[in-house]
Amino acid sequence: MDPFDPFDPETVRDPHPTYARLRSTTPVARGDRWGGFWALTRYSDVVAASTAPDVFTSSHGVVIPMNPLAGRRMPMHFDPPEHTAYRRVLNAPFHADRVGALRSRIEDIADDLLAPALASGTTDAVAGYASPLASRVLALFLGMPAEFGERLEEHSVRFERAQTSGDTATVEHANAVLYDYAREAARAADGELVAALRAARIDGRALTGDEIVGSLRQIFIAGHIAVAAGLGSAVRHLAGDRDLQRRLRAEPALVPDAVEELLRLHTPNQGFARTATRDTRVGGQAVRAGQQVALVYTSANRDPAVFADPDRFSLDRGRNRHLAFGHGVHKCVGIALARLELRIGVERLLAATSEFGPAGEPQMLPWPVHGPATLPIRLWPAADRAALPKGR
């Protein structure tokens, strides 16, 4: 058995050689951290586990390591049929037509964040762009002021780093702060999401205050950390490929396809979890009831059984069946908003610059996220930024 340690320094720096080896030698690999878990690295096994909630449940938590302070949040920690009713409440606010109405305001946020970087010529593309863009758009979507997004970003990052390092005291404190922010949003937010949660009826009853707060709390992390990591990875890739930058500037209609391929290549969610409800087998490996499995999307999206030449960026893949947003009933409800943020984040950076490139080595985020934690870049402004088109 080829063991899996997500915190091996080489794996943190670049997990893809590790995943390529595991897909070939031990596609269902055993990790010994956090009490032990199985890592599903092949596309077919991830899909199989994602579409069998009766065998691989979400009710015991969806992250490895498990967060003992999380509680059960709707709809993420429920399986059908309960999940179906809860998920229906969230579908309308996250519909592509609803979030698309935010385009021009998201463009303004991106432009505001880019202005100081363009003036100085350098920035950390995570701390100065990707991370605050994700948190401020989340505040906008909720109908909260920009300063709420700034506070949310600080404690979201603090929670994620402490969760990964096992710093229980900081996890507990940051988690409590995030729940306070969720209560604040439940009281004060004037966006469609909170309105839908307040108006929802499940089997004829209104959602409890705790259910509304829990739903908002889960959206904070999902809507910030993964989007920031995904955009950070996209910027990192483009910084290292100036030919691709030039092509996308010349043909901006290709940006949506480029974003999908960047999500496939640099999938931000490494280890969403399920728990086996009974003794079973997956990928030829026996998995016992109560054991956790990690759905390693970052590996599945480079599986050569599904993607030809999987380590190469290609705009010609046609239907890109990547799993960056998950699969099955728990596929991310915020797909439309995340895609819009990533597309605008890339579009505005390309349009505002004539070129950008690396200005130092990035530091990488560890499991369960994949992407840069820091990303120094150098930027050269476009000749006529005042004439940049908006609202495409």
Protein backbone atom coordinates (compact mmCIF):
# COMPACT_ATOMS: atom_id res chain seq x y z
CA MET A 1 0.00 0.00 0.00
CA ASP A 2 1.28 3.42 -1.02
CA PRO A 3 0.35 5.71 1.92
CA PHE A 4 -0.86 9.27 1.52
CA ASP A 5 0.33 12.17 3.65
CA PRO A 6 -1.27 15.44 2.48
CA PHE A 7 1.25 17.42 4.54
CA ASP A 8 4.34 15.93 2.91
CA PRO A 9 6.32 19.07 1.92
CA GLU A 10 6.57 18.08 -1.74
CA THR A 11 2.86 17.31 -1.86
CA VAL A 12 2.03 20.72 -0.36
CA ARG A 13 4.30 22.42 -2.89
CA ASP A 14 2.81 20.51 -5.82
CA PRO A 15 0.32 17.68 -5.16
CA HIS A 16 -0.02 16.55 -8.76
CA PRO A 17 3.00 14.18 -8.95
CA THR A 18 1.75 12.53 -5.75
CA TYR A 19 -1.74 12.12 -7.16
CA ALA A 20 -0.42 10.76 -10.47
CA ARG A 21 1.53 8.13 -8.57
CA LEU A 22 -1.43 7.20 -6.39
CA ARG A 23 -3.83 6.93 -9.33
CA SER A 24 -1.41 4.43 -10.83
CA THR A 25 -0.35 2.43 -7.75
CA THR A 26 -2.93 2.93 -4.98
CA PRO A 27 -6.00 4.75 -6.28
CA VAL A 28 -7.74 4.38 -2.90
CA ALA A 29 -4.88 5.41 -0.63
CA ARG A 30 -4.74 5.35 3.16
CA GLY A 31 -3.94 8.49 5.09
CA ASP A 32 -3.02 8.12 8.76
CA ARG A 33 -3.61 11.69 9.90
CA TRP A 34 -6.73 12.72 11.84
CA GLY A 35 -7.58 9.19 12.89
CA GLY A 36 -7.21 7.76 9.37
CA PHE A 37 -9.12 8.16 6.11
CA TRP A 38 -9.22 6.86 2.54
CA ALA A 39 -8.30 9.18 -0.35
CA LEU A 40 -10.15 8.50 -3.61
CA THR A 41 -7.89 9.76 -6.38
CA ARG A 42 -9.53 8.44 -9.57
CA TYR A 43 -12.34 10.25 -11.33
CA SER A 44 -14.60 7.18 -11.52
CA ASP A 45 -14.32 6.44 -7.80
CA VAL A 46 -15.00 10.06 -6.83
CA VAL A 47 -18.09 10.09 -9.04
CA ALA A 48 -19.28 6.74 -7.66
CA ALA A 49 -18.99 7.89 -4.04
CA SER A 50 -20.59 11.25 -4.86
CA THR A 51 -23.69 9.58 -6.32
CA ALA A 52 -24.30 7.06 -3.53
CA PRO A 53 -25.38 9.10 -0.48
CA ASP A 54 -26.94 5.99 1.05
CA VAL A 55 -23.45 4.43 1.20
CA PHE A 56 -21.29 7.55 1.59
CA THR A 57 -23.13 10.06 3.76
CA SER A 58 -22.53 13.77 4.33
CA SER A 59 -24.31 13.75 7.68
CA HIS A 60 -21.11 13.24 9.71
CA GLY A 61 -19.22 16.16 8.17
CA VAL A 62 -17.83 17.03 4.76
CA VAL A 63 -14.23 17.96 5.53
CA ILE A 64 -11.12 16.10 6.62
CA PRO A 65 -10.02 16.84 9.29
CA MET A 66 -13.50 16.92 10.76
CA ASN A 67 -14.53 20.13 12.47
CA PRO A 68 -15.97 19.07 15.84
CA LEU A 69 -17.42 22.55 16.37
CA ALA A 70 -19.37 22.74 13.13
CA GLY A 71 -22.73 21.22 13.98
CA ARG A 72 -25.06 20.17 11.16
CA ARG A 73 -25.74 22.84 8.57
CA MET A 74 -28.37 22.73 5.89
CA PRO A 75 -28.14 21.54 3.18
CA MET A 76 -24.48 20.44 3.23
CA HIS A 77 -24.75 18.01 6.14
CA PHE A 78 -27.95 16.33 5.00
CA ASP A 79 -28.66 13.61 2.45
CA PRO A 80 -31.81 13.10 0.38
CA PRO A 81 -34.68 13.40 1.00
CA GLU A 82 -33.97 16.05 3.68
CA HIS A 83 -31.23 17.59 1.54
CA THR A 84 -33.60 18.04 -1.40
CA ALA A 85 -36.01 20.24 0.51
CA TYR A 86 -33.26 22.36 2.05
CA ARG A 87 -31.39 22.73 -1.24
CA ARG A 88 -34.53 23.93 -3.01
CA VAL A 89 -34.58 26.96 -0.70
CA LEU A 90 -31.14 28.04 -1.92
CA ASN A 91 -31.51 27.38 -5.63
CA ALA A 92 -33.40 30.56 -6.60
CA PRO A 93 -31.07 33.14 -4.94
CA PHE A 94 -28.05 31.45 -6.54
CA HIS A 95 -29.63 31.16 -10.02
CA ALA A 96 -27.39 32.42 -12.83
CA ASP A 97 -29.87 35.14 -13.83
CA ARG A 98 -29.98 36.50 -10.27
CA VAL A 99 -26.22 36.59 -9.71
CA GLY A 100 -25.63 37.87 -13.25
CA ALA A 101 -27.30 41.12 -12.25
CA LEU A 102 -24.29 41.78 -9.99
CA ARG A 103 -21.79 41.81 -12.86
CA SER A 104 -21.14 45.55 -13.10
CA ARG A 105 -20.76 45.90 -9.32
CA ILE A 106 -18.34 42.97 -9.19
CA GLU A 107 -16.35 44.62 -11.99
CA ASP A 108 -16.18 47.78 -9.88
CA ILE A 109 -14.85 45.79 -6.93
CA ALA A 110 -12.19 44.17 -9.11
CA ASP A 111 -11.15 47.52 -10.60
CA ASP A 112 -10.93 49.14 -7.16
CA LEU A 113 -8.69 46.34 -5.90
CA LEU A 114 -6.44 46.49 -8.97
CA ALA A 115 -5.91 50.27 -8.82
CA PRO A 116 -3.22 50.33 -6.10
CA ALA A 117 -1.44 47.33 -7.63
CA LEU A 118 -1.30 49.02 -11.02
CA ALA A 119 -0.01 52.22 -9.43
CA SER A 120 2.80 50.45 -7.57
CA GLY A 121 3.57 47.83 -10.22
CA THR A 122 3.58 44.93 -7.77
CA THR A 123 1.12 43.18 -5.48
CA ASP A 124 0.38 39.95 -3.67
CA ALA A 125 -2.31 38.68 -6.01
CA VAL A 126 -3.95 36.71 -3.19
CA ALA A 127 -3.99 39.23 -0.31
CA GLY A 128 -4.37 42.21 -2.65
CA TYR A 129 -6.82 40.81 -5.17
CA ALA A 130 -8.23 37.27 -5.07
CA SER A 131 -9.05 37.07 -1.37
CA PRO A 132 -10.66 40.51 -0.89
CA LEU A 133 -12.53 40.14 -4.20
CA ALA A 134 -14.14 36.91 -2.96
CA SER A 135 -15.06 38.31 0.44
CA ARG A 136 -16.42 41.62 -0.86
CA VAL A 137 -18.49 39.90 -3.52
CA LEU A 138 -19.89 37.62 -0.83
CA ALA A 139 -20.88 40.67 1.22
CA LEU A 140 -22.45 42.22 -1.90
CA PHE A 141 -24.40 39.04 -2.63
CA LEU A 142 -25.68 38.90 0.95
CA GLY A 143 -26.69 42.56 0.90
CA MET A 144 -24.15 43.56 3.53
CA PRO A 145 -21.73 46.53 3.48
CA ALA A 146 -18.17 46.18 2.16
CA GLU A 147 -16.69 46.39 5.65
CA PHE A 148 -18.58 43.21 6.55
CA GLY A 149 -16.68 41.48 3.76
CA GLU A 150 -13.39 42.76 5.14
CA ARG A 151 -14.15 41.39 8.60
CA LEU A 152 -15.37 38.15 7.11
CA GLU A 153 -12.17 37.73 5.11
CA GLU A 154 -9.97 38.15 8.18
CA HIS A 155 -11.71 35.51 10.25
CA SER A 156 -12.37 33.15 7.37
CA VAL A 157 -8.64 32.99 6.64
CA ARG A 158 -7.84 32.67 10.34
CA PHE A 159 -10.31 29.80 10.73
CA GLU A 160 -9.03 27.91 7.68
CA ARG A 161 -5.36 28.21 8.68
CA ALA A 162 -6.06 27.12 12.26
CA GLN A 163 -8.25 24.23 11.11
CA THR A 164 -5.43 22.94 8.93
CA SER A 165 -2.74 23.32 11.60
CA GLY A 166 -4.85 21.74 14.34
CA ASP A 167 -4.85 24.90 16.47
CA THR A 168 -8.05 24.05 18.34
CA ALA A 169 -8.17 27.22 20.44
CA THR A 170 -7.94 29.48 17.39
CA VAL A 171 -10.43 27.31 15.48
CA GLU A 172 -12.91 27.63 18.32
CA HIS A 173 -12.49 31.41 18.57
CA ALA A 174 -12.63 32.04 14.80
CA ASN A 175 -15.59 29.71 14.45
CA ALA A 176 -17.46 31.59 17.16
CA VAL A 177 -16.74 34.90 15.42
CA LEU A 178 -17.99 33.52 12.09
CA TYR A 179 -21.20 32.35 13.76
CA ASP A 180 -21.60 35.86 15.21
CA TYR A 181 -21.22 37.25 11.69
CA ALA A 182 -23.83 34.77 10.45
CA ARG A 183 -26.25 36.00 13.14
CA GLU A 184 -25.47 39.58 12.10
CA ALA A 185 -26.24 38.76 8.47
CA ALA A 186 -29.40 36.88 9.42
CA ARG A 187 -30.65 40.06 11.14
CA ALA A 188 -29.39 42.75 8.80
CA ALA A 189 -28.75 41.37 5.29
CA ASP A 190 -31.15 42.60 2.62
CA GLY A 191 -30.10 40.26 -0.20
CA GLU A 192 -32.27 37.57 -1.77
CA LEU A 193 -30.55 34.71 0.05
CA VAL A 194 -31.54 35.77 3.56
CA ALA A 195 -35.00 36.72 2.34
CA ALA A 196 -35.40 33.21 0.88
CA LEU A 197 -34.24 31.60 4.11
CA ARG A 198 -36.68 33.68 6.15
CA ALA A 199 -39.57 32.86 3.82
CA ALA A 200 -38.78 29.15 3.47
CA ARG A 201 -41.17 26.45 4.62
CA ILE A 202 -40.02 22.85 5.06
CA ASP A 203 -42.92 20.43 5.55
CA GLY A 204 -45.05 23.45 6.46
CA ARG A 205 -42.71 24.90 9.09
CA ALA A 206 -40.44 27.92 8.99
CA LEU A 207 -36.70 27.47 9.34
CA THR A 208 -35.40 28.00 12.85
CA GLY A 209 -32.97 30.77 13.62
CA ASP A 210 -30.22 28.20 14.11
CA GLU A 211 -30.93 26.69 10.68
CA ILE A 212 -30.69 30.07 8.98
CA VAL A 213 -27.50 30.97 10.82
CA GLY A 214 -25.93 27.58 10.09
CA SER A 215 -26.71 27.88 6.39
CA LEU A 216 -25.08 31.32 6.24
CA ARG A 217 -22.08 30.11 8.22
CA GLN A 218 -21.31 27.34 5.73
CA ILE A 219 -21.59 29.77 2.80
CA PHE A 220 -18.97 32.06 4.37
CA ILE A 221 -16.14 29.54 4.01
CA ALA A 222 -17.29 27.99 0.74
CA GLY A 223 -17.88 31.38 -0.83
CA HIS A 224 -14.55 32.84 0.24
CA ILE A 225 -11.73 30.31 0.61
CA ALA A 226 -12.39 28.19 -2.50
CA VAL A 227 -13.04 31.19 -4.76
CA ALA A 228 -9.92 32.99 -3.54
CA ALA A 229 -7.81 29.87 -4.08
CA GLY A 230 -9.29 29.28 -7.53
CA LEU A 231 -8.69 32.85 -8.67
CA GLY A 232 -5.22 32.84 -7.13
CA SER A 233 -4.34 29.71 -9.09
CA ALA A 234 -5.73 31.22 -12.29
CA VAL A 235 -3.59 34.34 -11.85
CA ARG A 236 -0.55 32.20 -11.07
CA HIS A 237 -1.02 30.13 -14.22
CA LEU A 238 -1.54 33.17 -16.42
CA ALA A 239 1.47 34.94 -14.90
CA GLY A 240 3.58 32.05 -16.13
CA ASP A 241 2.03 31.91 -19.61
CA ARG A 242 2.22 35.27 -21.36
CA ASP A 243 1.21 33.78 -24.71
CA LEU A 244 -2.07 32.72 -23.12
CA GLN A 245 -2.47 36.20 -21.64
CA ARG A 246 -2.06 37.74 -25.09
CA ARG A 247 -4.53 35.32 -26.66
CA LEU A 248 -7.19 36.00 -24.04
CA ARG A 249 -6.72 39.75 -24.34
CA ALA A 250 -7.18 39.45 -28.08
CA GLU A 251 -10.13 37.05 -27.76
CA PRO A 252 -11.91 37.81 -24.46
CA ALA A 253 -14.81 35.56 -25.46
CA LEU A 254 -12.46 32.65 -24.66
CA VAL A 255 -12.19 33.61 -20.97
CA PRO A 256 -15.12 31.42 -19.80
CA ASP A 257 -13.59 28.32 -21.41
CA ALA A 258 -10.18 29.28 -20.03
CA VAL A 259 -11.62 29.57 -16.52
CA GLU A 260 -13.15 26.09 -16.76
CA GLU A 261 -9.83 24.62 -17.87
CA LEU A 262 -7.99 26.47 -15.11
CA LEU A 263 -10.47 25.07 -12.59
CA ARG A 264 -9.78 21.59 -13.90
CA LEU A 265 -6.02 22.02 -13.77
CA HIS A 266 -5.90 23.78 -10.40
CA THR A 267 -8.98 22.56 -8.54
CA PRO A 268 -9.12 24.36 -5.17
CA ASN A 269 -11.00 21.71 -3.14
CA GLN A 270 -8.71 18.77 -2.48
CA GLY A 271 -10.55 16.75 0.12
CA PHE A 272 -14.29 16.97 0.59
CA ALA A 273 -15.36 14.08 2.79
CA ARG A 274 -18.01 11.42 3.12
CA THR A 275 -18.46 8.72 5.76
CA ALA A 276 -19.26 5.10 4.91
CA THR A 277 -22.63 4.04 6.32
CA ARG A 278 -21.80 0.33 5.98
CA ASP A 279 -18.98 -1.97 4.98
CA THR A 280 -18.44 -1.54 1.25
CA ARG A 281 -15.82 -1.53 -1.49
CA VAL A 282 -14.69 1.33 -3.70
CA GLY A 283 -12.01 1.08 -6.34
CA GLY A 284 -11.34 -2.48 -5.20
CA GLN A 285 -10.58 -1.37 -1.63
CA ALA A 286 -12.58 -2.48 1.39
CA VAL A 287 -13.95 0.46 3.37
CA ARG A 288 -15.54 -0.18 6.75
CA ALA A 289 -18.64 1.46 8.17
CA GLY A 290 -17.75 4.70 9.94
CA GLN A 291 -14.55 5.32 7.99
CA GLN A 292 -14.10 8.64 6.19
CA VAL A 293 -13.25 8.92 2.52
CA ALA A 294 -11.85 12.03 0.84
CA LEU A 295 -13.17 12.91 -2.60
CA VAL A 296 -9.94 14.26 -4.06
CA TYR A 297 -11.28 16.44 -6.86
CA THR A 298 -7.81 17.92 -7.47
CA SER A 299 -6.59 14.46 -8.47
CA ALA A 300 -9.74 13.32 -10.28
CA ASN A 301 -9.57 16.33 -12.58
CA ARG A 302 -6.20 15.17 -13.94
CA ASP A 303 -7.19 11.55 -14.41
CA PRO A 304 -5.90 10.47 -17.84
CA ALA A 305 -8.77 7.99 -18.11
CA VAL A 306 -11.07 11.01 -18.57
CA PHE A 307 -8.86 13.89 -19.75
CA ALA A 308 -6.38 13.44 -22.58
CA ASP A 309 -2.95 14.91 -21.79
CA PRO A 310 -4.36 15.92 -18.39
CA ASP A 311 -1.45 18.07 -17.18
CA ARG A 312 -1.67 20.38 -20.20
CA PHE A 313 -3.85 23.48 -20.44
CA SER A 314 -6.13 23.22 -23.46
CA LEU A 315 -8.89 25.50 -24.72
CA ASP A 316 -10.06 22.76 -27.08
CA ARG A 317 -11.45 20.16 -24.69
CA GLY A 318 -15.05 20.69 -25.76
CA ARG A 319 -17.27 19.50 -22.94
CA ASN A 320 -15.08 19.89 -19.88
CA ARG A 321 -16.40 17.36 -17.34
CA HIS A 322 -14.30 18.60 -14.45
CA LEU A 323 -15.39 18.11 -10.83
CA ALA A 324 -14.15 21.40 -9.40
CA PHE A 325 -17.65 22.17 -8.11
CA GLY A 326 -18.30 18.62 -6.91
CA HIS A 327 -20.72 16.07 -8.30
CA GLY A 328 -24.10 14.60 -7.46
CA VAL A 329 -26.68 16.08 -5.13
CA HIS A 330 -24.06 18.05 -3.23
CA LYS A 331 -22.68 19.83 -6.29
CA CYS A 332 -21.93 23.40 -5.23
CA VAL A 333 -25.06 25.55 -5.07
CA GLY A 334 -22.98 28.68 -5.72
CA ILE A 335 -21.59 27.60 -9.11
CA ALA A 336 -23.03 30.57 -11.01
CA LEU A 337 -21.69 33.13 -8.54
CA ALA A 338 -18.26 31.49 -8.32
CA ARG A 339 -17.95 31.29 -12.10
CA LEU A 340 -18.95 34.92 -12.46
CA GLU A 341 -16.36 36.03 -9.89
CA LEU A 342 -13.59 33.99 -11.50
CA ARG A 343 -14.42 35.18 -15.00
CA ILE A 344 -14.59 38.82 -13.96
CA GLY A 345 -11.45 38.47 -11.84
CA VAL A 346 -9.53 37.19 -14.87
CA GLU A 347 -11.18 39.57 -17.37
CA ARG A 348 -10.49 42.73 -15.37
CA LEU A 349 -6.88 41.77 -14.62
CA LEU A 350 -6.20 41.04 -18.30
CA ALA A 351 -7.95 44.19 -19.48
CA ALA A 352 -6.18 46.43 -16.97
CA THR A 353 -2.70 45.18 -17.86
CA SER A 354 -0.54 44.87 -20.91
CA GLU A 355 1.30 42.07 -19.14
CA PHE A 356 1.86 40.58 -15.69
CA GLY A 357 4.31 38.01 -14.41
CA PRO A 358 5.72 36.40 -11.28
CA ALA A 359 7.70 38.57 -8.87
CA GLY A 360 8.78 35.82 -6.47
CA GLU A 361 7.96 32.32 -5.33
CA PRO A 362 4.41 31.70 -4.08
CA GLN A 363 3.61 29.93 -0.85
CA MET A 364 1.02 27.21 -1.27
CA LEU A 365 -2.04 26.47 0.83
CA PRO A 366 -2.04 23.04 2.47
CA TRP A 367 -4.79 20.41 2.46
CA PRO A 368 -7.77 20.54 2.16
CA VAL A 369 -7.33 23.58 -0.12
CA HIS A 370 -5.11 23.82 -3.19
CA GLY A 371 -3.86 27.17 -4.42
CA PRO A 372 -1.43 29.93 -3.52
CA ALA A 373 -1.46 31.44 -0.04
CA THR A 374 0.78 34.24 -1.30
CA LEU A 375 1.45 35.18 -4.91
CA PRO A 376 3.79 38.10 -5.65
CA ILE A 377 3.31 39.43 -9.18
CA ARG A 378 4.55 42.37 -11.23
CA LEU A 379 2.06 44.26 -13.41
CA TRP A 380 2.39 46.55 -16.42
CA PRO A 381 -0.73 48.71 -16.93
CA ALA A 382 -2.65 48.73 -20.18
CA ALA A 383 -2.11 51.83 -22.30
CA ASP A 384 -5.67 53.15 -21.97
CA ARG A 385 -7.32 51.77 -18.84
CA ALA A 386 -9.96 54.51 -18.89
CA ALA A 387 -11.45 52.99 -22.03
CA LEU A 388 -11.78 49.45 -20.67
CA PRO A 389 -15.09 47.88 -21.68
CA LYS A 390 -17.42 46.83 -18.87
CA GLY A 391 -20.60 44.82 -18.55
CA ARG A 392 -19.90 42.34 -21.34
